[in-house]
N, C-alpha and C. Protein backbone atom coordinates (compact mmCIF):
# COMPACT_ATOMS: atom_id res chain seq x y z
N UNK A 1 65.98 85.81 90.27
CA UNK A 1 67.00 86.55 90.04
C UNK A 1 66.71 87.29 91.36
N UNK A 2 68.75 87.58 91.66
CA UNK A 2 68.38 88.69 92.89
C UNK A 2 68.33 89.80 92.79
N UNK A 3 67.85 90.43 94.04
CA UNK A 3 67.82 92.06 93.70
C UNK A 3 69.05 93.04 93.93
N UNK A 4 68.70 94.36 93.27
CA UNK A 4 69.87 94.49 93.86
C UNK A 4 69.79 96.09 93.53
N UNK A 5 70.51 96.92 94.08
CA UNK A 5 70.35 98.56 93.85
C UNK A 5 71.27 98.65 93.13
N UNK A 6 71.14 99.68 92.22
CA UNK A 6 71.66 100.02 90.80
C UNK A 6 72.54 101.15 91.24
N UNK A 7 73.41 101.58 92.25
CA UNK A 7 74.09 102.63 92.35
C UNK A 7 75.04 103.14 90.96
N UNK A 8 75.25 104.84 91.59
CA UNK A 8 76.21 105.23 90.42
C UNK A 8 77.23 104.84 90.17
N UNK A 9 77.73 104.40 91.33
CA UNK A 9 78.97 103.93 91.34
C UNK A 9 79.27 102.71 90.20
N UNK A 10 78.30 101.82 90.39
CA UNK A 10 78.37 100.72 89.46
C UNK A 10 77.60 101.08 88.03
N UNK A 11 77.10 102.31 87.82
CA UNK A 11 76.78 102.43 86.83
C UNK A 11 77.21 103.36 85.81
N UNK A 12 78.31 104.19 87.17
CA UNK A 12 79.45 105.17 85.93
C UNK A 12 80.92 104.96 86.44
N UNK A 13 81.63 103.65 87.00
CA UNK A 13 82.73 103.36 87.72
C UNK A 13 83.78 104.63 87.14
N UNK A 14 84.04 104.42 85.65
CA UNK A 14 85.23 105.31 85.21
C UNK A 14 84.71 106.93 85.37
N UNK A 15 83.61 107.07 85.96
CA UNK A 15 83.42 108.80 86.14
C UNK A 15 83.22 109.00 87.93
N UNK A 16 83.58 108.37 88.64
CA UNK A 16 83.97 108.65 89.92
C UNK A 16 84.26 110.07 90.76
N UNK A 17 85.49 110.12 90.10
CA UNK A 17 86.02 111.55 90.20
C UNK A 17 85.65 112.14 89.56
N UNK A 18 84.77 112.68 88.88
CA UNK A 18 83.84 113.29 87.80
C UNK A 18 82.43 113.49 88.53
N UNK A 19 81.75 112.37 89.08
CA UNK A 19 81.27 112.94 89.78
C UNK A 19 81.41 113.26 91.60
N UNK A 20 82.12 112.96 92.25
CA UNK A 20 82.84 113.95 93.17
C UNK A 20 82.55 115.20 93.01
N UNK A 21 83.48 115.82 91.72
CA UNK A 21 83.67 116.79 91.81
C UNK A 21 82.27 118.09 91.21
N UNK A 22 81.40 117.32 90.41
CA UNK A 22 80.61 117.59 90.27
C UNK A 22 79.50 117.75 91.63
N UNK A 23 79.25 117.34 92.48
CA UNK A 23 78.79 116.63 93.18
C UNK A 23 78.99 117.87 94.06
N UNK A 24 80.08 118.55 94.52
CA UNK A 24 80.19 119.58 94.96
C UNK A 24 80.68 120.92 94.39
N UNK A 25 80.48 120.85 93.37
CA UNK A 25 80.44 121.93 92.36
C UNK A 25 78.86 122.75 92.02
N UNK A 26 78.41 121.86 91.32
CA UNK A 26 76.75 121.60 91.01
C UNK A 26 76.04 120.96 91.46
N UNK A 27 75.44 122.15 92.25
CA UNK A 27 74.30 121.76 93.42
C UNK A 27 73.04 121.18 92.14
N UNK A 28 73.00 121.38 91.31
CA UNK A 28 71.61 120.86 90.39
C UNK A 28 72.20 119.27 90.20
N UNK A 29 73.07 119.15 89.96
CA UNK A 29 74.07 117.85 89.58
C UNK A 29 73.57 117.04 91.21
N UNK A 30 74.02 117.90 91.90
CA UNK A 30 73.60 116.75 93.64
C UNK A 30 72.50 116.60 94.26
N UNK A 31 71.29 117.54 93.25
CA UNK A 31 70.26 117.16 93.27
C UNK A 31 69.42 115.66 92.66
N UNK A 32 70.23 116.21 91.43
CA UNK A 32 70.01 114.52 90.51
C UNK A 32 70.32 113.40 91.20
N UNK A 33 71.62 113.59 91.70
CA UNK A 33 72.14 112.37 92.07
C UNK A 33 71.35 111.86 93.43
N UNK A 34 70.78 112.93 94.52
CA UNK A 34 70.14 112.58 95.84
C UNK A 34 68.57 111.88 94.97
N UNK A 35 68.36 112.66 94.06
CA UNK A 35 66.85 112.33 93.58
C UNK A 35 67.12 110.93 93.01
N UNK A 36 68.28 110.93 92.27
CA UNK A 36 68.33 108.98 91.92
C UNK A 36 68.48 108.10 93.00
N UNK A 37 69.44 108.49 94.02
CA UNK A 37 69.35 107.56 95.46
C UNK A 37 68.86 106.89 95.82
N UNK A 38 67.55 108.02 96.27
CA UNK A 38 66.07 108.14 96.53
C UNK A 38 65.52 107.26 95.91
N UNK A 39 65.12 107.64 94.58
CA UNK A 39 64.24 106.45 93.93
C UNK A 39 64.74 104.80 94.23
N UNK A 40 66.13 105.11 93.46
CA UNK A 40 66.46 103.18 93.15
C UNK A 40 66.16 103.16 94.77
N UNK A 41 66.43 103.44 95.89
CA UNK A 41 66.36 102.83 97.27
C UNK A 41 64.94 102.28 97.45
N UNK A 42 63.99 103.19 96.70
CA UNK A 42 62.62 103.10 97.11
C UNK A 42 62.53 101.43 95.52
N UNK A 43 62.55 101.87 94.71
CA UNK A 43 62.17 100.69 94.01
C UNK A 43 62.96 99.20 94.55
N UNK A 44 64.15 99.30 95.23
CA UNK A 44 64.66 98.03 95.86
C UNK A 44 63.63 97.53 97.18
N UNK A 45 63.11 98.31 97.71
CA UNK A 45 61.90 98.31 98.94
C UNK A 45 61.00 97.39 98.42
N UNK A 46 60.66 98.22 97.17
CA UNK A 46 59.70 97.65 96.17
C UNK A 46 59.53 96.12 95.92
N UNK A 47 60.62 95.90 95.49
CA UNK A 47 60.92 94.57 94.63
C UNK A 47 61.13 93.90 95.55
N UNK A 48 62.07 94.26 97.03
CA UNK A 48 62.24 93.17 98.31
C UNK A 48 60.94 92.96 99.15
N UNK A 49 60.20 93.47 98.70
CA UNK A 49 58.61 92.92 99.44
C UNK A 49 58.44 93.96 100.83
N UNK A 50 58.95 95.23 100.82
CA UNK A 50 58.99 95.61 102.08
C UNK A 50 57.87 96.94 101.86
N UNK A 51 57.24 97.35 100.79
CA UNK A 51 56.69 98.31 100.44
C UNK A 51 55.79 98.10 98.98
N UNK A 52 54.97 97.94 99.45
CA UNK A 52 53.71 97.61 98.14
C UNK A 52 53.68 99.08 97.19
N UNK A 53 53.23 98.37 96.15
CA UNK A 53 53.33 99.59 94.76
C UNK A 53 52.82 98.53 93.82
N UNK A 54 51.67 98.74 92.95
CA UNK A 54 51.49 97.81 91.62
C UNK A 54 52.60 97.96 90.44
N UNK A 55 52.19 97.31 89.53
CA UNK A 55 53.44 96.78 88.91
C UNK A 55 53.57 97.98 87.98
N UNK A 56 52.57 98.86 87.86
CA UNK A 56 52.12 99.80 87.15
C UNK A 56 53.06 101.06 86.96
N UNK A 57 53.20 101.21 88.76
CA UNK A 57 53.87 102.33 89.22
C UNK A 57 54.95 102.05 89.85
N UNK A 58 55.14 101.36 89.99
CA UNK A 58 56.86 100.75 89.88
C UNK A 58 57.19 100.38 88.30
N UNK A 59 56.77 100.06 87.05
CA UNK A 59 57.71 100.47 85.87
C UNK A 59 57.52 101.95 85.96
N UNK A 60 56.84 102.66 86.36
CA UNK A 60 56.41 104.14 86.43
C UNK A 60 58.40 104.29 87.20
N UNK A 61 58.30 104.42 88.40
CA UNK A 61 59.70 104.32 89.24
C UNK A 61 60.61 104.14 88.47
N UNK A 62 60.69 102.62 88.10
CA UNK A 62 61.74 102.52 86.87
C UNK A 62 61.87 103.37 85.69
N UNK A 63 60.92 103.72 85.25
CA UNK A 63 61.19 104.75 83.68
C UNK A 63 61.64 105.92 84.09
N UNK A 64 61.22 106.37 85.57
CA UNK A 64 61.97 107.60 86.13
C UNK A 64 63.45 107.00 86.20
N UNK A 65 63.54 106.45 86.88
CA UNK A 65 65.22 106.53 87.21
C UNK A 65 65.50 106.04 85.92
N UNK A 66 65.73 105.49 84.67
CA UNK A 66 66.67 105.97 83.59
C UNK A 66 66.51 107.07 83.01
N UNK A 67 65.32 107.55 83.22
CA UNK A 67 65.62 109.25 82.92
C UNK A 67 66.42 109.95 83.78
N UNK A 68 66.75 109.50 84.85
CA UNK A 68 67.79 110.15 85.81
C UNK A 68 68.98 110.05 85.51
N UNK A 69 69.21 108.40 85.17
CA UNK A 69 70.18 108.13 84.98
C UNK A 69 70.89 108.84 83.17
N UNK A 70 70.66 108.84 82.51
CA UNK A 70 70.47 109.52 81.33
C UNK A 70 70.78 111.29 81.49
N UNK A 71 70.39 111.68 82.72
CA UNK A 71 70.25 113.32 82.49
C UNK A 71 71.91 113.17 83.63
N UNK A 72 71.93 112.45 84.17
CA UNK A 72 73.47 112.26 85.08
C UNK A 72 74.27 111.79 84.05
N UNK A 73 74.40 111.26 83.49
CA UNK A 73 75.33 110.86 82.11
C UNK A 73 75.75 111.82 80.91
N UNK A 74 74.17 112.63 80.84
CA UNK A 74 74.80 114.00 79.72
C UNK A 74 75.42 114.56 80.79
N UNK A 75 75.19 115.16 82.01
CA UNK A 75 76.48 116.06 82.68
C UNK A 75 77.46 115.63 82.95
N UNK A 76 78.02 114.30 82.81
CA UNK A 76 78.86 113.66 83.43
C UNK A 76 79.67 114.11 81.60
N UNK A 77 79.77 113.65 80.76
CA UNK A 77 79.85 114.23 79.57
C UNK A 77 80.32 114.96 79.02
N UNK A 78 79.05 116.18 79.67
CA UNK A 78 79.63 117.28 79.27
C UNK A 78 80.36 117.84 80.31
N UNK A 79 80.81 117.31 81.05
CA UNK A 79 81.74 117.74 82.16
C UNK A 79 83.53 117.41 82.07
N UNK A 80 82.93 116.40 81.02
CA UNK A 80 84.12 115.58 80.42
C UNK A 80 84.47 116.10 79.48
N UNK A 81 83.84 117.11 78.56
CA UNK A 81 83.77 117.57 77.31
C UNK A 81 84.18 119.06 77.67
N UNK A 82 84.21 119.79 78.98
CA UNK A 82 84.65 120.54 79.37
C UNK A 82 86.14 120.75 79.78
N UNK A 83 86.25 119.54 80.50
CA UNK A 83 87.59 119.38 81.04
C UNK A 83 89.06 118.85 80.40
């Protein structure tokens, strides 16, 4: 199975404009996105063999990425309800 990044643009293609708006207007949202992107890159590096990490630690990183994605999705949903 080929390795892939999980960029937010692919996870939420219907919300690209909303993400741009929140990224510039909401510092907390921008932090969530930065953390997600950093984590996604690290997971990719581990899966690609460029960084060593045991499976348990890798699963913890993936779980954290899912939690961040859920938080981002919730913020996007609330922004849609406001607009």
